[in-house]
Amino acid sequence: MTETPAPRAQAAEIQHRLSEGLGRIDPHHRLLGRPVAYRIIDGTTLEITYRDVPGIAEAEVRGVKRLIGVECFCTVAPQTAETVLVRFVVSLK
């Protein structure tokens, strides 16, 4: 199943808001400049994954959620002994 243009456009808008606003809400550059991947799953869900993150505070997670602008979920998982993966899952409905 391929995604419709509407979810792709919504995902592009979210990506633009993050690239424009991340510097303002990430003063310690925990996410800014880290490898990030955007992936649309089943045409209805956007997964945003930041890798090699040294750590993240709850205030930074809330800031990213505000930039995303729609309801989303965040998970943080160990990647290495020093870094974590930060994943945001966004419904594109």
PDB file of N, CA and C in Angstrom:
ATOM      1  N   MET A   1       0.845  -1.178   0.000  1.00  0.00           N
ATOM      2  CA  MET A   1       0.000   0.000   0.000  1.00  0.00           C
ATOM      3  C   MET A   1       0.886   1.236   0.000  1.00  0.00           C
ATOM      4  N   THR A   2       0.623   2.193  -0.867  1.00  0.00           N
ATOM      5  CA  THR A   2       1.400   3.421  -0.899  1.00  0.00           C
ATOM      6  C   THR A   2       0.650   4.514  -0.169  1.00  0.00           C
ATOM      7  N   GLU A   3       1.418   5.446   0.405  1.00  0.00           N
ATOM      8  CA  GLU A   3       0.777   6.525   1.133  1.00  0.00           C
ATOM      9  C   GLU A   3       0.193   7.554   0.169  1.00  0.00           C
ATOM     10  N   THR A   4      -0.835   8.231   0.611  1.00  0.00           N
ATOM     11  CA  THR A   4      -1.475   9.252  -0.210  1.00  0.00           C
ATOM     12  C   THR A   4      -0.664  10.539  -0.106  1.00  0.00           C
ATOM     13  N   PRO A   5      -0.881  11.480  -1.042  1.00  0.00           N
ATOM     14  CA  PRO A   5      -0.140  12.738  -0.973  1.00  0.00           C
ATOM     15  C   PRO A   5      -0.379  13.515   0.317  1.00  0.00           C
ATOM     16  N   ALA A   6      -1.565  13.429   0.913  1.00  0.00           N
ATOM     17  CA  ALA A   6      -1.850  14.177   2.135  1.00  0.00           C
ATOM     18  C   ALA A   6      -0.898  13.795   3.273  1.00  0.00           C
ATOM     19  N   PRO A   7      -0.705  12.513   3.584  1.00  0.00           N
ATOM     20  CA  PRO A   7       0.263  12.169   4.631  1.00  0.00           C
ATOM     21  C   PRO A   7       1.692  12.590   4.276  1.00  0.00           C
ATOM     22  N   ARG A   8       2.059  12.465   3.010  1.00  0.00           N
ATOM     23  CA  ARG A   8       3.405  12.907   2.607  1.00  0.00           C
ATOM     24  C   ARG A   8       3.574  14.400   2.832  1.00  0.00           C
ATOM     25  N   ALA A   9       2.545  15.178   2.484  1.00  0.00           N
ATOM     26  CA  ALA A   9       2.602  16.636   2.669  1.00  0.00           C
ATOM     27  C   ALA A   9       2.655  16.981   4.157  1.00  0.00           C
ATOM     28  N   GLN A  10       1.870  16.280   4.961  1.00  0.00           N
ATOM     29  CA  GLN A  10       1.874  16.519   6.400  1.00  0.00           C
ATOM     30  C   GLN A  10       3.244  16.165   6.987  1.00  0.00           C
ATOM     31  N   ALA A  11       3.826  15.066   6.551  1.00  0.00           N
ATOM     32  CA  ALA A  11       5.150  14.669   7.027  1.00  0.00           C
ATOM     33  C   ALA A  11       6.200  15.700   6.629  1.00  0.00           C
ATOM     34  N   ALA A  12       6.113  16.219   5.412  1.00  0.00           N
ATOM     35  CA  ALA A  12       7.060  17.239   4.949  1.00  0.00           C
ATOM     36  C   ALA A  12       6.929  18.511   5.781  1.00  0.00           C
ATOM     37  N   GLU A  13       5.710  18.886   6.136  1.00  0.00           N
ATOM     38  CA  GLU A  13       5.491  20.074   6.956  1.00  0.00           C
ATOM     39  C   GLU A  13       6.075  19.882   8.352  1.00  0.00           C
ATOM     40  N   ILE A  14       5.889  18.708   8.936  1.00  0.00           N
ATOM     41  CA  ILE A  14       6.466  18.411  10.251  1.00  0.00           C
ATOM     42  C   ILE A  14       7.990  18.463  10.177  1.00  0.00           C
ATOM     43  N   GLN A  15       8.560  17.878   9.135  1.00  0.00           N
ATOM     44  CA  GLN A  15      10.016  17.901   8.968  1.00  0.00           C
ATOM     45  C   GLN A  15      10.515  19.337   8.845  1.00  0.00           C
ATOM     46  N   HIS A  16       9.792  20.169   8.120  1.00  0.00           N
ATOM     47  CA  HIS A  16      10.175  21.584   7.965  1.00  0.00           C
ATOM     48  C   HIS A  16      10.115  22.302   9.314  1.00  0.00           C
ATOM     49  N   ARG A  17       9.033  22.092  10.071  1.00  0.00           N
ATOM     50  CA  ARG A  17       8.909  22.752  11.387  1.00  0.00           C
ATOM     51  C   ARG A  17      10.037  22.327  12.319  1.00  0.00           C
ATOM     52  N   LEU A  18      10.410  21.051  12.276  1.00  0.00           N
ATOM     53  CA  LEU A  18      11.510  20.588  13.121  1.00  0.00           C
ATOM     54  C   LEU A  18      12.835  21.206  12.694  1.00  0.00           C
ATOM     55  N   SER A  19      13.097  21.246  11.400  1.00  0.00           N
ATOM     56  CA  SER A  19      14.380  21.805  10.941  1.00  0.00           C
ATOM     57  C   SER A  19      14.472  23.301  11.245  1.00  0.00           C
ATOM     58  N   GLU A  20      13.353  24.003  11.183  1.00  0.00           N
ATOM     59  CA  GLU A  20      13.348  25.437  11.460  1.00  0.00           C
ATOM     60  C   GLU A  20      13.379  25.752  12.958  1.00  0.00           C
ATOM     61  N   GLY A  21      12.726  24.929  13.783  1.00  0.00           N
ATOM     62  CA  GLY A  21      12.553  25.284  15.179  1.00  0.00           C
ATOM     63  C   GLY A  21      13.393  24.542  16.187  1.00  0.00           C
ATOM     64  N   LEU A  22      14.072  23.491  15.774  1.00  0.00           N
ATOM     65  CA  LEU A  22      14.812  22.670  16.729  1.00  0.00           C
ATOM     66  C   LEU A  22      15.886  23.463  17.467  1.00  0.00           C
ATOM     67  N   GLY A  23      16.538  24.376  16.802  1.00  0.00           N
ATOM     68  CA  GLY A  23      17.587  25.183  17.445  1.00  0.00           C
ATOM     69  C   GLY A  23      17.072  25.989  18.620  1.00  0.00           C
ATOM     70  N   ARG A  24      15.814  26.427  18.547  1.00  0.00           N
ATOM     71  CA  ARG A  24      15.230  27.236  19.626  1.00  0.00           C
ATOM     72  C   ARG A  24      14.870  26.406  20.853  1.00  0.00           C
ATOM     73  N   ILE A  25      14.473  25.155  20.665  1.00  0.00           N
ATOM     74  CA  ILE A  25      14.016  24.358  21.806  1.00  0.00           C
ATOM     75  C   ILE A  25      15.064  23.345  22.275  1.00  0.00           C
ATOM     76  N   ASP A  26      16.210  23.325  21.640  1.00  0.00           N
ATOM     77  CA  ASP A  26      17.276  22.366  21.973  1.00  0.00           C
ATOM     78  C   ASP A  26      18.566  23.123  22.288  1.00  0.00           C
ATOM     79  N   PRO A  27      18.578  23.883  23.408  1.00  0.00           N
ATOM     80  CA  PRO A  27      19.737  24.738  23.692  1.00  0.00           C
ATOM     81  C   PRO A  27      21.034  23.973  23.914  1.00  0.00           C
ATOM     82  N   HIS A  28      20.945  22.724  24.321  1.00  0.00           N
ATOM     83  CA  HIS A  28      22.157  21.934  24.583  1.00  0.00           C
ATOM     84  C   HIS A  28      22.565  21.084  23.382  1.00  0.00           C
ATOM     85  N   HIS A  29      21.861  21.231  22.266  1.00  0.00           N
ATOM     86  CA  HIS A  29      22.156  20.531  21.013  1.00  0.00           C
ATOM     87  C   HIS A  29      22.205  19.018  21.197  1.00  0.00           C
ATOM     88  N   ARG A  30      21.260  18.513  21.979  1.00  0.00           N
ATOM     89  CA  ARG A  30      21.194  17.067  22.153  1.00  0.00           C
ATOM     90  C   ARG A  30      20.609  16.391  20.917  1.00  0.00           C
ATOM     91  N   LEU A  31      19.672  17.064  20.242  1.00  0.00           N
ATOM     92  CA  LEU A  31      19.081  16.515  19.018  1.00  0.00           C
ATOM     93  C   LEU A  31      19.613  17.215  17.768  1.00  0.00           C
ATOM     94  N   LEU A  32      19.833  18.497  17.874  1.00  0.00           N
ATOM     95  CA  LEU A  32      20.283  19.299  16.732  1.00  0.00           C
ATOM     96  C   LEU A  32      21.610  18.769  16.196  1.00  0.00           C
ATOM     97  N   GLY A  33      21.626  18.440  14.917  1.00  0.00           N
ATOM     98  CA  GLY A  33      22.845  17.947  14.285  1.00  0.00           C
ATOM     99  C   GLY A  33      23.052  16.441  14.407  1.00  0.00           C
ATOM    100  N   ARG A  34      22.167  15.755  15.118  1.00  0.00           N
ATOM    101  CA  ARG A  34      22.283  14.295  15.230  1.00  0.00           C
ATOM    102  C   ARG A  34      21.672  13.642  13.994  1.00  0.00           C
ATOM    103  N   PRO A  35      22.097  12.443  13.674  1.00  0.00           N
ATOM    104  CA  PRO A  35      21.466  11.737  12.546  1.00  0.00           C
ATOM    105  C   PRO A  35      19.983  11.541  12.822  1.00  0.00           C
ATOM    106  N   VAL A  36      19.158  11.882  11.845  1.00  0.00           N
ATOM    107  CA  VAL A  36      17.708  11.749  11.997  1.00  0.00           C
ATOM    108  C   VAL A  36      17.145  11.054  10.766  1.00  0.00           C
ATOM    109  N   ALA A  37      16.152  10.205  10.989  1.00  0.00           N
ATOM    110  CA  ALA A  37      15.486   9.503   9.886  1.00  0.00           C
ATOM    111  C   ALA A  37      13.989   9.727  10.011  1.00  0.00           C
ATOM    112  N   TYR A  38      13.360   9.993   8.863  1.00  0.00           N
ATOM    113  CA  TYR A  38      11.909  10.151   8.778  1.00  0.00           C
ATOM    114  C   TYR A  38      11.388   8.997   7.936  1.00  0.00           C
ATOM    115  N   ARG A  39      10.367   8.299   8.458  1.00  0.00           N
ATOM    116  CA  ARG A  39       9.840   7.153   7.721  1.00  0.00           C
ATOM    117  C   ARG A  39       8.322   7.111   7.878  1.00  0.00           C
ATOM    118  N   ILE A  40       7.621   7.006   6.756  1.00  0.00           N
ATOM    119  CA  ILE A  40       6.171   6.845   6.790  1.00  0.00           C
ATOM    120  C   ILE A  40       5.866   5.355   6.802  1.00  0.00           C
ATOM    121  N   ILE A  41       5.062   4.943   7.775  1.00  0.00           N
ATOM    122  CA  ILE A  41       4.711   3.539   7.955  1.00  0.00           C
ATOM    123  C   ILE A  41       3.231   3.376   7.614  1.00  0.00           C
ATOM    124  N   ASP A  42       2.926   2.450   6.726  1.00  0.00           N
ATOM    125  CA  ASP A  42       1.550   2.138   6.330  1.00  0.00           C
ATOM    126  C   ASP A  42       0.767   3.351   5.837  1.00  0.00           C
ATOM    127  N   GLY A  43       1.438   4.389   5.406  1.00  0.00           N
ATOM    128  CA  GLY A  43       0.766   5.560   4.861  1.00  0.00           C
ATOM    129  C   GLY A  43       0.036   6.410   5.879  1.00  0.00           C
ATOM    130  N   THR A  44       0.083   6.031   7.160  1.00  0.00           N
ATOM    131  CA  THR A  44      -0.690   6.764   8.167  1.00  0.00           C
ATOM    132  C   THR A  44       0.113   7.199   9.380  1.00  0.00           C
ATOM    133  N   THR A  45       1.349   6.770   9.477  1.00  0.00           N
ATOM    134  CA  THR A  45       2.153   7.045  10.667  1.00  0.00           C
ATOM    135  C   THR A  45       3.544   7.513  10.247  1.00  0.00           C
ATOM    136  N   LEU A  46       4.008   8.582  10.886  1.00  0.00           N
ATOM    137  CA  LEU A  46       5.361   9.079  10.651  1.00  0.00           C
ATOM    138  C   LEU A  46       6.214   8.710  11.853  1.00  0.00           C
ATOM    139  N   GLU A  47       7.345   8.087  11.571  1.00  0.00           N
ATOM    140  CA  GLU A  47       8.315   7.749  12.613  1.00  0.00           C
ATOM    141  C   GLU A  47       9.533   8.637  12.410  1.00  0.00           C
ATOM    142  N   ILE A  48       9.900   9.364  13.459  1.00  0.00           N
ATOM    143  CA  ILE A  48      11.071  10.245  13.431  1.00  0.00           C
ATOM    144  C   ILE A  48      12.056   9.683  14.446  1.00  0.00           C
ATOM    145  N   THR A  49      13.249   9.307  13.992  1.00  0.00           N
ATOM    146  CA  THR A  49      14.223   8.683  14.881  1.00  0.00           C
ATOM    147  C   THR A  49      15.526   9.473  14.876  1.00  0.00           C
ATOM    148  N   TYR A  50      15.916   9.933  16.062  1.00  0.00           N
ATOM    149  CA  TYR A  50      17.208  10.595  16.255  1.00  0.00           C
ATOM    150  C   TYR A  50      18.158   9.567  16.854  1.00  0.00           C
ATOM    151  N   ARG A  51      19.349   9.428  16.248  1.00  0.00           N
ATOM    152  CA  ARG A  51      20.358   8.476  16.726  1.00  0.00           C
ATOM    153  C   ARG A  51      21.528   9.230  17.353  1.00  0.00           C
ATOM    154  N   ASP A  52      22.307   8.509  18.123  1.00  0.00           N
ATOM    155  CA  ASP A  52      23.535   9.032  18.738  1.00  0.00           C
ATOM    156  C   ASP A  52      23.267  10.230  19.645  1.00  0.00           C
ATOM    157  N   VAL A  53      22.146  10.199  20.371  1.00  0.00           N
ATOM    158  CA  VAL A  53      21.772  11.292  21.275  1.00  0.00           C
ATOM    159  C   VAL A  53      22.396  11.007  22.649  1.00  0.00           C
ATOM    160  N   PRO A  54      23.142  11.978  23.207  1.00  0.00           N
ATOM    161  CA  PRO A  54      23.809  11.734  24.484  1.00  0.00           C
ATOM    162  C   PRO A  54      22.842  11.655  25.667  1.00  0.00           C
ATOM    163  N   GLY A  55      21.643  12.159  25.521  1.00  0.00           N
ATOM    164  CA  GLY A  55      20.624  12.164  26.571  1.00  0.00           C
ATOM    165  C   GLY A  55      19.574  13.189  26.183  1.00  0.00           C
ATOM    166  N   ILE A  56      18.433  13.152  26.844  1.00  0.00           N
ATOM    167  CA  ILE A  56      17.382  14.105  26.511  1.00  0.00           C
ATOM    168  C   ILE A  56      16.570  14.383  27.759  1.00  0.00           C
ATOM    169  N   ALA A  57      16.176  15.638  27.933  1.00  0.00           N
ATOM    170  CA  ALA A  57      15.366  16.055  29.079  1.00  0.00           C
ATOM    171  C   ALA A  57      13.895  16.087  28.678  1.00  0.00           C
ATOM    172  N   GLU A  58      13.024  15.961  29.650  1.00  0.00           N
ATOM    173  CA  GLU A  58      11.585  15.993  29.398  1.00  0.00           C
ATOM    174  C   GLU A  58      11.170  17.308  28.740  1.00  0.00           C
ATOM    175  N   ALA A  59      11.791  18.407  29.115  1.00  0.00           N
ATOM    176  CA  ALA A  59      11.463  19.706  28.506  1.00  0.00           C
ATOM    177  C   ALA A  59      11.772  19.702  27.009  1.00  0.00           C
ATOM    178  N   GLU A  60      12.850  19.043  26.619  1.00  0.00           N
ATOM    179  CA  GLU A  60      13.191  18.966  25.195  1.00  0.00           C
ATOM    180  C   GLU A  60      12.188  18.095  24.442  1.00  0.00           C
ATOM    181  N   VAL A  61      11.753  17.003  25.058  1.00  0.00           N
ATOM    182  CA  VAL A  61      10.732  16.147  24.435  1.00  0.00           C
ATOM    183  C   VAL A  61       9.452  16.952  24.234  1.00  0.00           C
ATOM    184  N   ARG A  62       9.022  17.692  25.265  1.00  0.00           N
ATOM    185  CA  ARG A  62       7.814  18.521  25.137  1.00  0.00           C
ATOM    186  C   ARG A  62       7.981  19.572  24.047  1.00  0.00           C
ATOM    187  N   GLY A  63       9.165  20.158  23.929  1.00  0.00           N
ATOM    188  CA  GLY A  63       9.423  21.143  22.891  1.00  0.00           C
ATOM    189  C   GLY A  63       9.300  20.554  21.494  1.00  0.00           C
ATOM    190  N   VAL A  64       9.838  19.368  21.292  1.00  0.00           N
ATOM    191  CA  VAL A  64       9.735  18.701  19.987  1.00  0.00           C
ATOM    192  C   VAL A  64       8.273  18.394  19.689  1.00  0.00           C
ATOM    193  N   LYS A  65       7.538  17.922  20.688  1.00  0.00           N
ATOM    194  CA  LYS A  65       6.115  17.631  20.478  1.00  0.00           C
ATOM    195  C   LYS A  65       5.353  18.888  20.079  1.00  0.00           C
ATOM    196  N   ARG A  66       5.695  20.023  20.679  1.00  0.00           N
ATOM    197  CA  ARG A  66       5.050  21.294  20.282  1.00  0.00           C
ATOM    198  C   ARG A  66       5.381  21.632  18.834  1.00  0.00           C
ATOM    199  N   LEU A  67       6.625  21.426  18.434  1.00  0.00           N
ATOM    200  CA  LEU A  67       7.013  21.689  17.041  1.00  0.00           C
ATOM    201  C   LEU A  67       6.281  20.762  16.081  1.00  0.00           C
ATOM    202  N   ILE A  68       6.131  19.515  16.446  1.00  0.00           N
ATOM    203  CA  ILE A  68       5.421  18.560  15.590  1.00  0.00           C
ATOM    204  C   ILE A  68       3.990  19.021  15.400  1.00  0.00           C
ATOM    205  N   GLY A  69       3.369  19.497  16.458  1.00  0.00           N
ATOM    206  CA  GLY A  69       2.078  20.156  16.338  1.00  0.00           C
ATOM    207  C   GLY A  69       0.851  19.269  16.354  1.00  0.00           C
ATOM    208  N   VAL A  70       1.016  17.971  16.360  1.00  0.00           N
ATOM    209  CA  VAL A  70      -0.106  17.041  16.473  1.00  0.00           C
ATOM    210  C   VAL A  70       0.255  16.015  17.531  1.00  0.00           C
ATOM    211  N   GLU A  71      -0.749  15.293  18.010  1.00  0.00           N
ATOM    212  CA  GLU A  71      -0.498  14.302  19.043  1.00  0.00           C
ATOM    213  C   GLU A  71       0.527  13.280  18.568  1.00  0.00           C
ATOM    214  N   CYS A  72       1.472  12.998  19.438  1.00  0.00           N
ATOM    215  CA  CYS A  72       2.498  12.015  19.101  1.00  0.00           C
ATOM    216  C   CYS A  72       3.019  11.373  20.380  1.00  0.00           C
ATOM    217  N   PHE A  73       3.779  10.319  20.205  1.00  0.00           N
ATOM    218  CA  PHE A  73       4.366   9.590  21.315  1.00  0.00           C
ATOM    219  C   PHE A  73       5.886   9.601  21.150  1.00  0.00           C
ATOM    220  N   CYS A  74       6.577   9.537  22.275  1.00  0.00           N
ATOM    221  CA  CYS A  74       8.039   9.518  22.248  1.00  0.00           C
ATOM    222  C   CYS A  74       8.535   8.343  23.067  1.00  0.00           C
ATOM    223  N   THR A  75       9.536   7.649  22.519  1.00  0.00           N
ATOM    224  CA  THR A  75      10.230   6.609  23.271  1.00  0.00           C
ATOM    225  C   THR A  75      11.719   6.906  23.243  1.00  0.00           C
ATOM    226  N   VAL A  76      12.377   6.540  24.314  1.00  0.00           N
ATOM    227  CA  VAL A  76      13.826   6.688  24.420  1.00  0.00           C
ATOM    228  C   VAL A  76      14.373   5.312  24.765  1.00  0.00           C
ATOM    229  N   ALA A  77      15.324   4.844  23.967  1.00  0.00           N
ATOM    230  CA  ALA A  77      15.890   3.514  24.183  1.00  0.00           C
ATOM    231  C   ALA A  77      17.411   3.581  24.109  1.00  0.00           C
ATOM    232  N   PRO A  78      18.095   2.746  24.884  1.00  0.00           N
ATOM    233  CA  PRO A  78      19.560   2.725  24.811  1.00  0.00           C
ATOM    234  C   PRO A  78      20.026   2.343  23.408  1.00  0.00           C
ATOM    235  N   GLN A  79      21.054   3.022  22.951  1.00  0.00           N
ATOM    236  CA  GLN A  79      21.694   2.669  21.678  1.00  0.00           C
ATOM    237  C   GLN A  79      23.068   2.078  21.971  1.00  0.00           C
ATOM    238  N   THR A  80      23.860   2.806  22.733  1.00  0.00           N
ATOM    239  CA  THR A  80      25.153   2.315  23.216  1.00  0.00           C
ATOM    240  C   THR A  80      25.224   2.664  24.700  1.00  0.00           C
ATOM    241  N   ALA A  81      26.354   2.418  25.322  1.00  0.00           N
ATOM    242  CA  ALA A  81      26.506   2.775  26.740  1.00  0.00           C
ATOM    243  C   ALA A  81      26.430   4.289  26.949  1.00  0.00           C
ATOM    244  N   GLU A  82      26.738   5.069  25.917  1.00  0.00           N
ATOM    245  CA  GLU A  82      26.768   6.529  26.052  1.00  0.00           C
ATOM    246  C   GLU A  82      25.648   7.246  25.314  1.00  0.00           C
ATOM    247  N   THR A  83      24.908   6.567  24.445  1.00  0.00           N
ATOM    248  CA  THR A  83      23.911   7.260  23.630  1.00  0.00           C
ATOM    249  C   THR A  83      22.565   6.535  23.652  1.00  0.00           C
ATOM    250  N   VAL A  84      21.540   7.282  23.264  1.00  0.00           N
ATOM    251  CA  VAL A  84      20.187   6.732  23.190  1.00  0.00           C
ATOM    252  C   VAL A  84      19.581   7.030  21.824  1.00  0.00           C
ATOM    253  N   LEU A  85      18.538   6.261  21.486  1.00  0.00           N
ATOM    254  CA  LEU A  85      17.690   6.540  20.327  1.00  0.00           C
ATOM    255  C   LEU A  85      16.458   7.255  20.844  1.00  0.00           C
ATOM    256  N   VAL A  86      16.080   8.348  20.202  1.00  0.00           N
ATOM    257  CA  VAL A  86      14.865   9.065  20.571  1.00  0.00           C
ATOM    258  C   VAL A  86      13.932   8.958  19.378  1.00  0.00           C
ATOM    259  N   ARG A  87      12.763   8.343  19.599  1.00  0.00           N
ATOM    260  CA  ARG A  87      11.835   8.082  18.500  1.00  0.00           C
ATOM    261  C   ARG A  87      10.490   8.741  18.795  1.00  0.00           C
ATOM    262  N   PHE A  88      10.021   9.520  17.827  1.00  0.00           N
ATOM    263  CA  PHE A  88       8.690  10.120  17.896  1.00  0.00           C
ATOM    264  C   PHE A  88       7.814   9.416  16.875  1.00  0.00           C
ATOM    265  N   VAL A  89       6.605   9.050  17.290  1.00  0.00           N
ATOM    266  CA  VAL A  89       5.652   8.389  16.409  1.00  0.00           C
ATOM    267  C   VAL A  89       4.435   9.308  16.306  1.00  0.00           C
ATOM    268  N   VAL A  90       4.111   9.696  15.058  1.00  0.00           N
ATOM    269  CA  VAL A  90       3.093  10.697  14.799  1.00  0.00           C
ATOM    270  C   VAL A  90       2.021  10.107  13.891  1.00  0.00           C
ATOM    271  N   SER A  91       0.752  10.267  14.286  1.00  0.00           N
ATOM    272  CA  SER A  91      -0.344   9.827  13.420  1.00  0.00           C
ATOM    273  C   SER A  91      -0.576  10.885  12.340  1.00  0.00           C
ATOM    274  N   LEU A  92      -0.676  10.459  11.092  1.00  0.00           N
ATOM    275  CA  LEU A  92      -0.872  11.379   9.968  1.00  0.00           C
ATOM    276  C   LEU A  92      -2.320  11.344   9.471  1.00  0.00           C
ATOM    277  N   LYS A  93      -3.255  11.027  10.303  1.00  0.00           N
ATOM    278  CA  LYS A  93      -4.663  10.940   9.901  1.00  0.00           C
ATOM    279  C   LYS A  93      -5.300  12.293   9.844  1.00  0.00           C
TER     280      LYS A  93
END
